[in-house]
Amino acid sequence: MSKIGALALLGILAIVSSFPIRAEIVKVATPGCQKNEICFYWWPKLPDLSGWHSDQDENLSMGENGANVLIPDGKTFKGAPAIIYANAVYKERYDWKHKPSTLASFIEDDKATFRKRHKDIEIDELAPITTADGQTLKTFAYLLPSGKTSECVAYGEEDGYYLLFVLSADSEDAYRSTLPVFQALITRYKS
C-alpha cells in the first residue's frame, strides 16, 4: 500500500473511531455459501458465560442471518440438551423481503412462523427481561407438547437491527434448568 493510501486509511479509521460506539454487532461475510455469492451474517456479541462456549461453524449454519451460538462446555450443538443463541436481523434487509416493520410487527411475524411450523404450539408472554443498559425486551415462551423442543425468545432492537435472544431446549427439564442462565445472560448484555 502506498503512503497516501496508508494515510487515507488512517484518516478514515480516525473518523470512524470518533463516533460513539454502541453494542457490538459481529458482522461476518463468507464467500461461496450460496453458489458464487457472498453471504452476510450478523449477531450480537454476547458477554462471556461461564460453562458455555461459542462455535463458529454453528454460528454460520444458523439460517439466513447466522447467530451467536452458545453451547454448554463438554457438549456439542447436536448433543446439548439446551443451547442459547442470539442473532441480529438487519431491518432494511427484513423490510425488503417483507414490508416496512416495527418491532411489534416483527414479533407477530415470528409468532406466525412458529404457528405455521407447529400447529400445537403454545405461546405465552413472559415477564420482560431488562438488559444491563436498561433496554426492556419483550419475552415469549414457545412451548410444544411434552418431550419436544421448547424455546424462550426475548426481542429487542438497536440501531438498524432487530435482536433475538433464544433459549432452545429439547425437553421441559432442560428448558426450566437453563432459563435462569438465559435470563442472567441477557441482564448482563449491553447495547
C-alpha atoms as a PDB file:
ATOM      1  CA  MET A   1       0.000   0.000   0.000  1.00  0.00           C
ATOM      2  CA  SER A   2       1.296   3.446  -0.864  1.00  0.00           C
ATOM      3  CA  LYS A   3       1.966   6.106   1.774  1.00  0.00           C
ATOM      4  CA  ILE A   4      -1.029   8.095   0.534  1.00  0.00           C
ATOM      5  CA  GLY A   5      -3.267   5.022   0.745  1.00  0.00           C
ATOM      6  CA  ALA A   6      -1.995   4.265   4.260  1.00  0.00           C
ATOM      7  CA  LEU A   7      -2.618   7.856   5.365  1.00  0.00           C
ATOM      8  CA  ALA A   8      -6.111   7.799   3.862  1.00  0.00           C
ATOM      9  CA  LEU A   9      -6.884   4.538   5.677  1.00  0.00           C
ATOM     10  CA  LEU A  10      -5.614   6.001   8.974  1.00  0.00           C
ATOM     11  CA  GLY A  11      -7.747   9.095   8.412  1.00  0.00           C
ATOM     12  CA  ILE A  12     -10.867   7.004   7.778  1.00  0.00           C
ATOM     13  CA  LEU A  13     -10.158   4.890  10.868  1.00  0.00           C
ATOM     14  CA  ALA A  14      -9.687   8.023  12.964  1.00  0.00           C
ATOM     15  CA  ILE A  15     -13.015   9.445  11.781  1.00  0.00           C
ATOM     16  CA  VAL A  16     -14.911   6.173  12.281  1.00  0.00           C
ATOM     17  CA  SER A  17     -13.387   5.598  15.732  1.00  0.00           C
ATOM     18  CA  SER A  18     -14.516   9.032  16.860  1.00  0.00           C
ATOM     19  CA  PHE A  19     -18.191   8.053  16.512  1.00  0.00           C
ATOM     20  CA  PRO A  20     -19.838   6.829  19.706  1.00  0.00           C
ATOM     21  CA  ILE A  21     -19.946   3.058  19.792  1.00  0.00           C
ATOM     22  CA  ARG A  22     -22.995   1.139  20.871  1.00  0.00           C
ATOM     23  CA  ALA A  23     -23.386  -2.587  21.138  1.00  0.00           C
ATOM     24  CA  GLU A  24     -21.102  -4.627  19.054  1.00  0.00           C
ATOM     25  CA  ILE A  25     -22.831  -6.423  16.238  1.00  0.00           C
ATOM     26  CA  VAL A  26     -20.483  -9.044  14.820  1.00  0.00           C
ATOM     27  CA  LYS A  27     -20.560  -8.856  11.032  1.00  0.00           C
ATOM     28  CA  VAL A  28     -19.194 -11.762   9.003  1.00  0.00           C
ATOM     29  CA  ALA A  29     -19.041 -12.206   5.223  1.00  0.00           C
ATOM     30  CA  THR A  30     -18.262 -15.598   3.703  1.00  0.00           C
ATOM     31  CA  PRO A  31     -17.737 -16.398   0.012  1.00  0.00           C
ATOM     32  CA  GLY A  32     -19.447 -19.253  -1.747  1.00  0.00           C
ATOM     33  CA  CYS A  33     -22.166 -20.027   0.778  1.00  0.00           C
ATOM     34  CA  GLN A  34     -24.819 -19.950  -1.958  1.00  0.00           C
ATOM     35  CA  LYS A  35     -23.451 -20.673  -5.424  1.00  0.00           C
ATOM     36  CA  ASN A  36     -20.971 -17.857  -6.133  1.00  0.00           C
ATOM     37  CA  GLU A  37     -22.445 -15.292  -3.762  1.00  0.00           C
ATOM     38  CA  ILE A  38     -21.051 -13.667  -0.665  1.00  0.00           C
ATOM     39  CA  CYS A  39     -23.264 -14.231   2.356  1.00  0.00           C
ATOM     40  CA  PHE A  40     -23.514 -11.776   5.230  1.00  0.00           C
ATOM     41  CA  TYR A  41     -24.211 -12.750   8.840  1.00  0.00           C
ATOM     42  CA  TRP A  42     -24.929 -10.580  11.879  1.00  0.00           C
ATOM     43  CA  TRP A  43     -25.228 -11.356  15.564  1.00  0.00           C
ATOM     44  CA  PRO A  44     -24.821  -9.523  18.869  1.00  0.00           C
ATOM     45  CA  LYS A  45     -21.574 -10.015  20.740  1.00  0.00           C
ATOM     46  CA  LEU A  46     -22.585 -11.684  23.991  1.00  0.00           C
ATOM     47  CA  PRO A  47     -20.882 -11.421  27.373  1.00  0.00           C
ATOM     48  CA  ASP A  48     -18.849 -14.455  28.433  1.00  0.00           C
ATOM     49  CA  LEU A  49     -20.938 -17.147  30.050  1.00  0.00           C
ATOM     50  CA  SER A  50     -19.122 -19.446  32.442  1.00  0.00           C
ATOM     51  CA  GLY A  51     -19.548 -23.093  31.467  1.00  0.00           C
ATOM     52  CA  TRP A  52     -20.569 -22.268  27.894  1.00  0.00           C
ATOM     53  CA  HIS A  53     -18.654 -21.799  24.624  1.00  0.00           C
ATOM     54  CA  SER A  54     -19.351 -20.448  21.150  1.00  0.00           C
ATOM     55  CA  ASP A  55     -18.874 -22.498  17.986  1.00  0.00           C
ATOM     56  CA  GLN A  56     -18.057 -20.505  14.834  1.00  0.00           C
ATOM     57  CA  ASP A  57     -19.196 -23.284  12.468  1.00  0.00           C
ATOM     58  CA  GLU A  58     -22.578 -23.427  14.181  1.00  0.00           C
ATOM     59  CA  ASN A  59     -22.770 -19.623  14.162  1.00  0.00           C
ATOM     60  CA  LEU A  60     -22.659 -19.640  10.354  1.00  0.00           C
ATOM     61  CA  SER A  61     -25.061 -22.563   9.971  1.00  0.00           C
ATOM     62  CA  MET A  62     -27.929 -20.923  11.905  1.00  0.00           C
ATOM     63  CA  GLY A  63     -30.028 -19.744   9.000  1.00  0.00           C
ATOM     64  CA  GLU A  64     -30.040 -16.648   6.870  1.00  0.00           C
ATOM     65  CA  ASN A  65     -28.565 -14.235   9.419  1.00  0.00           C
ATOM     66  CA  GLY A  66     -26.379 -16.620  11.392  1.00  0.00           C
ATOM     67  CA  ALA A  67     -26.337 -16.429  15.168  1.00  0.00           C
ATOM     68  CA  ASN A  68     -24.004 -16.298  18.144  1.00  0.00           C
ATOM     69  CA  VAL A  69     -24.488 -19.851  19.423  1.00  0.00           C
ATOM     70  CA  LEU A  70     -23.566 -20.791  22.995  1.00  0.00           C
ATOM     71  CA  ILE A  71     -23.241 -24.479  23.851  1.00  0.00           C
ATOM     72  CA  PRO A  72     -22.632 -25.970  27.311  1.00  0.00           C
ATOM     73  CA  ASP A  73     -18.962 -26.926  27.761  1.00  0.00           C
ATOM     74  CA  GLY A  74     -18.357 -30.598  27.103  1.00  0.00           C
ATOM     75  CA  LYS A  75     -21.352 -30.803  24.735  1.00  0.00           C
ATOM     76  CA  THR A  76     -21.782 -30.453  21.004  1.00  0.00           C
ATOM     77  CA  PHE A  77     -24.504 -28.486  19.271  1.00  0.00           C
ATOM     78  CA  LYS A  78     -26.470 -31.631  18.424  1.00  0.00           C
ATOM     79  CA  GLY A  79     -25.776 -33.326  21.773  1.00  0.00           C
ATOM     80  CA  ALA A  80     -26.651 -30.425  24.071  1.00  0.00           C
ATOM     81  CA  PRO A  81     -29.987 -30.600  25.927  1.00  0.00           C
ATOM     82  CA  ALA A  82     -30.205 -26.805  25.576  1.00  0.00           C
ATOM     83  CA  ILE A  83     -28.427 -24.072  23.641  1.00  0.00           C
ATOM     84  CA  ILE A  84     -28.594 -20.300  23.769  1.00  0.00           C
ATOM     85  CA  TYR A  85     -28.185 -18.126  20.717  1.00  0.00           C
ATOM     86  CA  ALA A  86     -28.610 -14.527  19.649  1.00  0.00           C
ATOM     87  CA  ASN A  87     -28.976 -13.022  16.228  1.00  0.00           C
ATOM     88  CA  ALA A  88     -29.403  -9.614  14.710  1.00  0.00           C
ATOM     89  CA  VAL A  89     -31.786  -9.214  11.788  1.00  0.00           C
ATOM     90  CA  TYR A  90     -30.857  -6.243   9.620  1.00  0.00           C
ATOM     91  CA  LYS A  91     -34.038  -4.142   9.442  1.00  0.00           C
ATOM     92  CA  GLU A  92     -33.545  -2.921   5.865  1.00  0.00           C
ATOM     93  CA  ARG A  93     -32.988  -6.483   4.618  1.00  0.00           C
ATOM     94  CA  TYR A  94     -36.030  -7.704   6.555  1.00  0.00           C
ATOM     95  CA  ASP A  95     -38.226  -4.869   5.282  1.00  0.00           C
ATOM     96  CA  TRP A  96     -37.074  -5.509   1.703  1.00  0.00           C
ATOM     97  CA  LYS A  97     -38.282  -9.124   1.925  1.00  0.00           C
ATOM     98  CA  HIS A  98     -41.441  -8.416   3.937  1.00  0.00           C
ATOM     99  CA  LYS A  99     -42.864  -4.946   4.442  1.00  0.00           C
ATOM    100  CA  PRO A 100     -41.912  -1.882   6.442  1.00  0.00           C
ATOM    101  CA  SER A 101     -41.946  -3.140  10.001  1.00  0.00           C
ATOM    102  CA  THR A 102     -41.853  -2.249  13.653  1.00  0.00           C
ATOM    103  CA  LEU A 103     -40.577  -4.408  16.496  1.00  0.00           C
ATOM    104  CA  ALA A 104     -44.196  -5.322  17.304  1.00  0.00           C
ATOM    105  CA  SER A 105     -44.899  -6.471  13.728  1.00  0.00           C
ATOM    106  CA  PHE A 106     -41.570  -8.342  13.619  1.00  0.00           C
ATOM    107  CA  ILE A 107     -42.588 -10.243  16.780  1.00  0.00           C
ATOM    108  CA  GLU A 108     -46.021 -11.026  15.296  1.00  0.00           C
ATOM    109  CA  ASP A 109     -44.348 -12.312  12.108  1.00  0.00           C
ATOM    110  CA  ASP A 110     -42.092 -14.558  14.216  1.00  0.00           C
ATOM    111  CA  LYS A 111     -45.087 -15.901  16.159  1.00  0.00           C
ATOM    112  CA  ALA A 112     -46.901 -16.630  12.882  1.00  0.00           C
ATOM    113  CA  THR A 113     -43.855 -18.546  11.619  1.00  0.00           C
ATOM    114  CA  PHE A 114     -43.837 -20.684  14.777  1.00  0.00           C
ATOM    115  CA  ARG A 115     -47.584 -21.334  14.450  1.00  0.00           C
ATOM    116  CA  LYS A 116     -47.216 -22.316  10.798  1.00  0.00           C
ATOM    117  CA  ARG A 117     -44.494 -24.871  11.646  1.00  0.00           C
ATOM    118  CA  HIS A 118     -46.192 -26.220  14.780  1.00  0.00           C
ATOM    119  CA  LYS A 119     -49.997 -26.215  14.886  1.00  0.00           C
ATOM    120  CA  ASP A 120     -49.995 -27.378  18.522  1.00  0.00           C
ATOM    121  CA  ILE A 121     -47.588 -24.731  19.865  1.00  0.00           C
ATOM    122  CA  GLU A 122     -48.490 -22.720  22.938  1.00  0.00           C
ATOM    123  CA  ILE A 123     -47.132 -19.160  23.013  1.00  0.00           C
ATOM    124  CA  ASP A 124     -47.082 -17.369  26.356  1.00  0.00           C
ATOM    125  CA  GLU A 125     -45.849 -13.860  27.031  1.00  0.00           C
ATOM    126  CA  LEU A 126     -43.426 -13.858  29.968  1.00  0.00           C
ATOM    127  CA  ALA A 127     -42.181 -11.036  32.138  1.00  0.00           C
ATOM    128  CA  PRO A 128     -39.863  -8.815  30.087  1.00  0.00           C
ATOM    129  CA  ILE A 129     -36.115  -9.084  30.646  1.00  0.00           C
ATOM    130  CA  THR A 130     -34.090  -5.900  31.086  1.00  0.00           C
ATOM    131  CA  THR A 131     -30.561  -5.632  29.695  1.00  0.00           C
ATOM    132  CA  ALA A 132     -27.610  -4.126  31.600  1.00  0.00           C
ATOM    133  CA  ASP A 133     -28.226  -0.751  29.970  1.00  0.00           C
ATOM    134  CA  GLY A 134     -31.959  -0.694  30.667  1.00  0.00           C
ATOM    135  CA  GLN A 135     -33.499  -1.929  27.407  1.00  0.00           C
ATOM    136  CA  THR A 136     -36.647  -3.920  28.161  1.00  0.00           C
ATOM    137  CA  LEU A 137     -37.001  -6.984  25.930  1.00  0.00           C
ATOM    138  CA  LYS A 138     -40.436  -8.475  25.232  1.00  0.00           C
ATOM    139  CA  THR A 139     -40.126 -12.166  26.069  1.00  0.00           C
ATOM    140  CA  PHE A 140     -42.194 -15.165  24.981  1.00  0.00           C
ATOM    141  CA  ALA A 141     -42.198 -18.902  25.693  1.00  0.00           C
ATOM    142  CA  TYR A 142     -42.835 -21.123  22.673  1.00  0.00           C
ATOM    143  CA  LEU A 143     -43.868 -24.452  24.169  1.00  0.00           C
ATOM    144  CA  LEU A 144     -44.523 -27.670  22.297  1.00  0.00           C
ATOM    145  CA  PRO A 145     -46.267 -30.697  23.758  1.00  0.00           C
ATOM    146  CA  SER A 146     -44.248 -32.697  26.243  1.00  0.00           C
ATOM    147  CA  GLY A 147     -40.986 -34.197  25.004  1.00  0.00           C
ATOM    148  CA  LYS A 148     -40.394 -31.762  22.143  1.00  0.00           C
ATOM    149  CA  THR A 149     -38.246 -28.662  21.783  1.00  0.00           C
ATOM    150  CA  SER A 150     -39.311 -25.563  23.704  1.00  0.00           C
ATOM    151  CA  GLU A 151     -37.930 -22.067  23.235  1.00  0.00           C
ATOM    152  CA  CYS A 152     -37.829 -18.773  25.055  1.00  0.00           C
ATOM    153  CA  VAL A 153     -37.282 -15.728  22.845  1.00  0.00           C
ATOM    154  CA  ALA A 154     -36.509 -12.202  24.038  1.00  0.00           C
ATOM    155  CA  TYR A 155     -36.910  -9.496  21.367  1.00  0.00           C
ATOM    156  CA  GLY A 156     -35.288  -6.086  21.181  1.00  0.00           C
ATOM    157  CA  GLU A 157     -33.838  -3.639  18.715  1.00  0.00           C
ATOM    158  CA  GLU A 158     -30.825  -1.436  18.415  1.00  0.00           C
ATOM    159  CA  ASP A 159     -29.653   0.799  15.664  1.00  0.00           C
ATOM    160  CA  GLY A 160     -30.642  -0.886  12.390  1.00  0.00           C
ATOM    161  CA  TYR A 161     -31.246  -4.372  13.804  1.00  0.00           C
ATOM    162  CA  TYR A 162     -33.927  -6.473  15.442  1.00  0.00           C
ATOM    163  CA  LEU A 163     -32.344  -8.601  18.166  1.00  0.00           C
ATOM    164  CA  LEU A 164     -33.432 -12.097  19.151  1.00  0.00           C
ATOM    165  CA  PHE A 165     -32.050 -13.889  22.192  1.00  0.00           C
ATOM    166  CA  VAL A 166     -33.151 -17.521  22.175  1.00  0.00           C
ATOM    167  CA  LEU A 167     -33.060 -20.436  24.581  1.00  0.00           C
ATOM    168  CA  SER A 168     -33.790 -23.691  22.724  1.00  0.00           C
ATOM    169  CA  ALA A 169     -34.197 -26.872  24.771  1.00  0.00           C
ATOM    170  CA  ASP A 170     -35.066 -30.440  23.857  1.00  0.00           C
ATOM    171  CA  SER A 171     -37.110 -31.101  26.992  1.00  0.00           C
ATOM    172  CA  GLU A 172     -39.102 -29.288  29.629  1.00  0.00           C
ATOM    173  CA  ASP A 173     -36.456 -30.122  32.266  1.00  0.00           C
ATOM    174  CA  ALA A 174     -33.641 -28.692  30.123  1.00  0.00           C
ATOM    175  CA  TYR A 175     -35.772 -25.607  29.393  1.00  0.00           C
ATOM    176  CA  ARG A 176     -36.552 -24.946  33.050  1.00  0.00           C
ATOM    177  CA  SER A 177     -32.986 -25.557  34.278  1.00  0.00           C
ATOM    178  CA  THR A 178     -31.441 -23.323  31.575  1.00  0.00           C
ATOM    179  CA  LEU A 179     -33.980 -20.479  31.766  1.00  0.00           C
ATOM    180  CA  PRO A 180     -32.242 -18.735  34.740  1.00  0.00           C
ATOM    181  CA  VAL A 181     -28.891 -18.920  32.877  1.00  0.00           C
ATOM    182  CA  PHE A 182     -30.534 -17.413  29.777  1.00  0.00           C
ATOM    183  CA  GLN A 183     -32.160 -14.609  31.780  1.00  0.00           C
ATOM    184  CA  ALA A 184     -28.891 -13.847  33.598  1.00  0.00           C
ATOM    185  CA  LEU A 185     -27.019 -13.622  30.277  1.00  0.00           C
ATOM    186  CA  ILE A 186     -29.481 -11.080  28.927  1.00  0.00           C
ATOM    187  CA  THR A 187     -29.339  -8.960  32.096  1.00  0.00           C
ATOM    188  CA  ARG A 188     -25.568  -8.665  31.505  1.00  0.00           C
ATOM    189  CA  TYR A 189     -25.932  -7.712  27.814  1.00  0.00           C
ATOM    190  CA  LYS A 190     -25.246  -4.071  26.921  1.00  0.00           C
ATOM    191  CA  SER A 191     -26.471  -2.479  23.729  1.00  0.00           C
END
